Protein backbone atom coordinates (compact mmCIF):
# COMPACT_ATOMS: atom_id res chain seq x y z
CA UNK A 1 -182.39 67.40 48.54
CA UNK A 2 -181.78 69.29 51.79
CA UNK A 3 -178.58 67.92 53.36
CA UNK A 4 -179.95 68.01 56.91
CA UNK A 5 -183.04 66.09 55.80
CA UNK A 6 -180.88 63.58 53.93
CA UNK A 7 -178.72 62.98 57.01
CA UNK A 8 -181.82 62.41 59.13
CA UNK A 9 -183.19 59.83 56.69
CA UNK A 10 -179.83 58.07 56.46
CA UNK A 11 -179.77 57.93 60.25
CA UNK A 12 -183.24 56.34 60.24
CA UNK A 13 -182.03 53.59 57.91
CA UNK A 14 -179.04 52.92 60.20
CA UNK A 15 -181.31 52.77 63.25
CA UNK A 16 -183.69 50.46 61.39
CA UNK A 17 -180.89 48.06 60.46
CA UNK A 18 -179.52 48.01 64.00
CA UNK A 19 -182.79 47.73 65.94
CA UNK A 20 -185.58 46.43 63.73
CA UNK A 21 -184.50 44.63 60.56
CA UNK A 22 -183.91 41.21 62.14
CA UNK A 23 -187.30 41.39 63.88
CA UNK A 24 -189.17 42.27 60.67
CA UNK A 25 -187.40 39.48 58.79
CA UNK A 26 -189.09 36.89 61.04
CA UNK A 27 -192.54 38.20 60.20
CA UNK A 28 -194.83 38.22 57.17
CA UNK A 29 -196.64 41.18 55.69
CA UNK A 30 -199.88 39.64 56.95
CA UNK A 31 -198.59 39.68 60.53
CA UNK A 32 -197.74 43.35 60.13
CA UNK A 33 -201.03 44.14 58.37
CA UNK A 34 -202.98 42.57 61.23
CA UNK A 35 -200.95 44.57 63.73
CA UNK A 36 -201.70 47.78 61.85
CA UNK A 37 -205.42 46.94 61.85
CA UNK A 38 -205.33 46.17 65.56
CA UNK A 39 -203.74 49.54 66.29
CA UNK A 40 -206.05 51.48 63.98
CA UNK A 41 -203.24 52.41 61.57
CA UNK A 42 -203.44 52.52 57.77
CA UNK A 43 -200.66 50.72 55.94
CA UNK A 44 -201.96 47.73 53.97
CA UNK A 45 -201.90 47.94 50.16
CA UNK A 46 -203.39 45.73 47.46
CA UNK A 47 -202.23 44.41 44.09
CA UNK A 48 -198.51 45.25 44.23
CA UNK A 49 -196.47 42.05 44.22
CA UNK A 50 -193.01 40.70 43.32
CA UNK A 51 -192.54 40.39 39.59
CA UNK A 52 -191.07 36.90 39.83
CA UNK A 53 -191.78 34.23 42.44
CA UNK A 54 -188.23 33.80 43.69
CA UNK A 55 -188.11 37.45 44.72
CA UNK A 56 -189.36 37.18 48.23
CA UNK A 57 -189.17 39.56 51.15
CA UNK A 58 -187.98 43.17 50.85
CA UNK A 59 -187.68 45.39 53.93
CA UNK A 60 -186.20 48.85 54.53
CA UNK A 61 -186.89 52.53 54.97
CA UNK A 62 -188.43 54.40 52.07
CA UNK A 63 -186.87 56.73 49.55
CA UNK A 64 -189.87 58.07 47.64
CA UNK A 65 -190.53 59.17 44.06
CA UNK A 66 -193.65 60.85 42.72
CA UNK A 67 -194.44 60.78 39.01
CA UNK A 68 -196.69 63.05 36.99
CA UNK A 69 -197.76 63.31 33.35
CA UNK A 70 -195.37 64.73 30.78
CA UNK A 71 -196.39 68.08 29.30
CA UNK A 72 -195.15 71.60 28.75
CA UNK A 73 -192.95 71.55 31.85
CA UNK A 74 -189.84 69.58 30.91
CA UNK A 75 -188.18 67.08 33.25
CA UNK A 76 -185.18 68.35 35.17
CA UNK A 77 -183.45 64.98 35.24
CA UNK A 78 -183.89 61.37 34.15
CA UNK A 79 -186.50 59.87 36.45
CA UNK A 80 -185.09 57.77 39.29
CA UNK A 81 -181.60 59.22 39.27
CA UNK A 82 -182.24 61.52 42.24
CA UNK A 83 -183.75 58.70 44.29
CA UNK A 84 -180.78 56.45 43.66
CA UNK A 85 -178.35 59.26 44.48
CA UNK A 86 -180.21 59.94 47.74
CA UNK A 87 -180.23 56.28 48.80
CA UNK A 88 -177.99 54.44 51.23
CA UNK A 89 -177.58 50.66 51.54
CA UNK A 90 -180.74 49.11 52.93
CA UNK A 91 -183.17 51.68 51.53
CA UNK A 92 -186.18 50.73 49.41
CA UNK A 93 -187.26 53.03 46.56
CA UNK A 94 -191.05 53.53 46.56
CA UNK A 95 -192.68 55.01 43.44
CA UNK A 96 -196.08 56.66 43.13
CA UNK A 97 -197.17 56.42 39.50
CA UNK A 98 -200.87 56.39 40.36
CA UNK A 99 -201.25 52.72 39.47
CA UNK A 100 -200.68 53.39 35.76
CA UNK A 101 -200.04 50.30 33.64
CA UNK A 102 -199.64 52.00 30.26
CA UNK A 103 -196.11 53.30 30.86
CA UNK A 104 -193.01 52.27 32.74
CA UNK A 105 -191.38 54.29 35.52
CA UNK A 106 -188.51 51.88 36.25
CA UNK A 107 -186.18 49.85 34.06
CA UNK A 108 -182.87 48.08 33.66
CA UNK A 109 -180.47 51.02 33.89
CA UNK A 110 -182.09 52.18 37.12
CA UNK A 111 -182.11 48.65 38.53
CA UNK A 112 -178.37 48.27 37.96
CA UNK A 113 -177.67 51.70 39.42
CA UNK A 114 -179.77 51.00 42.50
CA UNK A 115 -178.23 47.56 42.97
CA UNK A 116 -174.75 49.10 42.88
CA UNK A 117 -175.82 51.64 45.52
CA UNK A 118 -177.02 48.90 47.89
CA UNK A 119 -180.75 49.60 47.53
CA UNK A 120 -182.79 46.55 48.60
CA UNK A 121 -185.48 46.87 45.95
CA UNK A 122 -188.07 49.06 44.23
CA UNK A 123 -191.80 49.06 44.92
CA UNK A 124 -194.01 50.59 42.21
CA UNK A 125 -197.64 51.63 42.25
CA UNK A 126 -197.62 51.19 38.50
CA UNK A 127 -195.57 49.19 36.00
CA UNK A 128 -191.92 48.45 35.32
CA UNK A 129 -190.14 47.37 32.16
CA UNK A 130 -186.83 45.63 31.31
CA UNK A 131 -187.79 42.85 33.70
CA UNK A 132 -185.17 40.51 32.21
CA UNK A 133 -182.49 43.11 33.01
CA UNK A 134 -183.76 43.38 36.59
CA UNK A 135 -183.66 39.59 36.90
CA UNK A 136 -180.12 39.47 35.49
CA UNK A 137 -179.07 42.11 38.04
CA UNK A 138 -180.88 40.16 40.80
CA UNK A 139 -182.60 43.41 41.69
CA UNK A 140 -186.01 43.02 43.34
CA UNK A 141 -188.96 44.84 41.81
CA UNK A 142 -192.54 44.83 43.05
CA UNK A 143 -195.19 46.38 40.80
CA UNK A 144 -198.71 46.02 39.47
CA UNK A 145 -197.36 44.64 36.20
CA UNK A 146 -194.90 45.04 33.36
CA UNK A 147 -195.08 47.10 30.17
CA UNK A 148 -192.80 47.74 27.18
CA UNK A 149 -193.65 51.42 26.73
CA UNK A 150 -190.97 53.91 27.82
CA UNK A 151 -191.61 56.71 30.28
CA UNK A 152 -190.05 59.17 27.85
CA UNK A 153 -192.67 61.58 26.58
CA UNK A 154 -195.32 60.06 28.84
CA UNK A 155 -194.39 60.81 32.46
CA UNK A 156 -191.77 62.79 34.37
CA UNK A 157 -190.53 62.76 37.93
CA UNK A 158 -192.41 65.39 39.92
CA UNK A 159 -190.47 65.04 43.19
CA UNK A 160 -188.04 62.92 45.17
CA UNK A 161 -188.29 62.20 48.90
CA UNK A 162 -191.62 63.87 49.47
CA UNK A 163 -194.84 62.40 50.86
CA UNK A 164 -196.57 60.16 48.30
CA UNK A 165 -199.56 57.89 47.95
CA UNK A 166 -198.81 54.23 47.37
CA UNK A 167 -201.71 51.88 46.81
CA UNK A 168 -203.94 54.27 48.73
CA UNK A 169 -201.54 54.49 51.66
CA UNK A 170 -199.49 57.50 52.71
CA UNK A 171 -195.71 56.96 52.51
CA UNK A 172 -193.12 59.46 53.72
CA UNK A 173 -189.35 59.31 53.38
CA UNK A 174 -188.04 57.10 56.17
CA UNK A 175 -191.24 55.12 56.76
CA UNK A 176 -190.71 51.36 56.91
CA UNK A 177 -191.89 49.37 53.88
CA UNK A 178 -192.10 45.60 53.68
CA UNK A 179 -193.09 43.30 50.84
CA UNK A 180 -193.46 39.56 50.38
CA UNK A 181 -195.54 37.25 48.20
CA UNK A 182 -198.77 38.53 49.76
CA UNK A 183 -198.12 42.19 48.98
CA UNK A 184 -196.78 45.37 50.57
CA UNK A 185 -197.31 47.05 53.94
CA UNK A 186 -196.16 50.45 55.16
CA UNK A 187 -195.35 51.19 58.80
CA UNK A 188 -195.16 54.86 59.84
CA UNK A 189 -191.76 55.43 61.42
CA UNK A 190 -193.17 56.79 64.69
CA UNK A 191 -195.22 53.59 65.20
CA UNK A 192 -192.55 50.98 64.41
CA UNK A 193 -192.09 49.83 68.01
CA UNK A 194 -195.77 49.26 68.77
CA UNK A 195 -196.51 47.67 65.38
CA UNK A 196 -193.60 45.27 65.74
CA UNK A 197 -194.60 44.29 69.27
CA UNK A 198 -198.18 43.57 68.19
CA UNK A 199 -197.09 41.72 65.03
CA UNK A 200 -194.72 39.52 67.04
CA UNK A 201 -197.52 38.75 69.49
CA UNK A 202 -199.86 37.75 66.67
CA UNK A 203 -197.15 35.70 64.98
CA UNK A 204 -196.46 33.76 68.19
CA UNK A 205 -200.15 32.95 68.68
CA UNK A 206 -200.62 31.81 65.09
CA UNK A 207 -197.51 29.63 65.25
CA UNK A 208 -198.81 28.02 68.43
CA UNK A 209 -202.15 27.34 66.75
CA UNK A 210 -200.48 25.71 63.75
CA UNK A 211 -198.19 23.60 65.93
CA UNK A 212 -201.10 22.31 68.01
CA UNK A 213 -203.14 21.50 64.89
CA UNK A 214 -200.20 19.65 63.31
CA UNK A 215 -199.74 17.73 66.55
CA UNK A 216 -203.28 16.41 66.22
CA UNK A 217 -205.37 18.82 68.27
CA UNK A 218 -208.95 19.44 67.18
CA UNK A 219 -209.01 22.58 65.04
CA UNK A 220 -212.28 23.82 66.57
CA UNK A 221 -210.86 23.47 70.07
CA UNK A 222 -207.65 25.24 69.05
CA UNK A 223 -209.64 28.08 67.50
CA UNK A 224 -211.71 28.42 70.67
CA UNK A 225 -208.61 28.32 72.88
CA UNK A 226 -206.84 31.13 71.06
CA UNK A 227 -209.91 33.15 70.09
CA UNK A 228 -208.69 33.80 66.53
CA UNK A 229 -211.56 36.16 65.72
CA UNK A 230 -210.65 38.33 68.71
CA UNK A 231 -206.89 38.43 68.12
CA UNK A 232 -206.95 41.92 66.68
CA UNK A 233 -208.64 43.42 69.68
CA UNK A 234 -206.33 45.61 71.73
């Protein structure tokens, strides 16, 4: 990877940790998804979830991988190695395998290597394998499912740190990705400030609604007071 580009992406992760991580950690993916909708931005995915329940929230800037089918062009390297090498602590590896469930694109060796590098987790539009190894390493993996079949002879890595599609959403190196039990959202880097501000606003309103309901207020009156159906209007 281009060294200047790599330095820029590493700088984005540092800025994210210093300015934004603690704010994202207070929110849910649904808060962020609603904020994206309110601002007319695309970033909400479907069907990609943590592989075990105790793996909860994962947040960081993206290091991307794009897979393609194996064929006459041989792979230049073992898939995932370049992404791990390019990562810095706090990154999240995001893999575009087109939603395929018939072959893995992430396993135990990669999980241990990424964990050692300080990567927060891996998000896969597709399937992983060696889930027990990932659990033993306490390395977070989100995917559409698991599979036993190896990637060898089935898929190869097409590119690292290029623009990809992930669950129908565009992801570029350095974009912010966030996952929890509800799924995964992607926030374009240039919109982080406005998305966070809107998500925090929505979170505060929803918390106030819940608190009033738990305190005994009539739910219809609370809904009318806060205008839940109009919350996403700018």
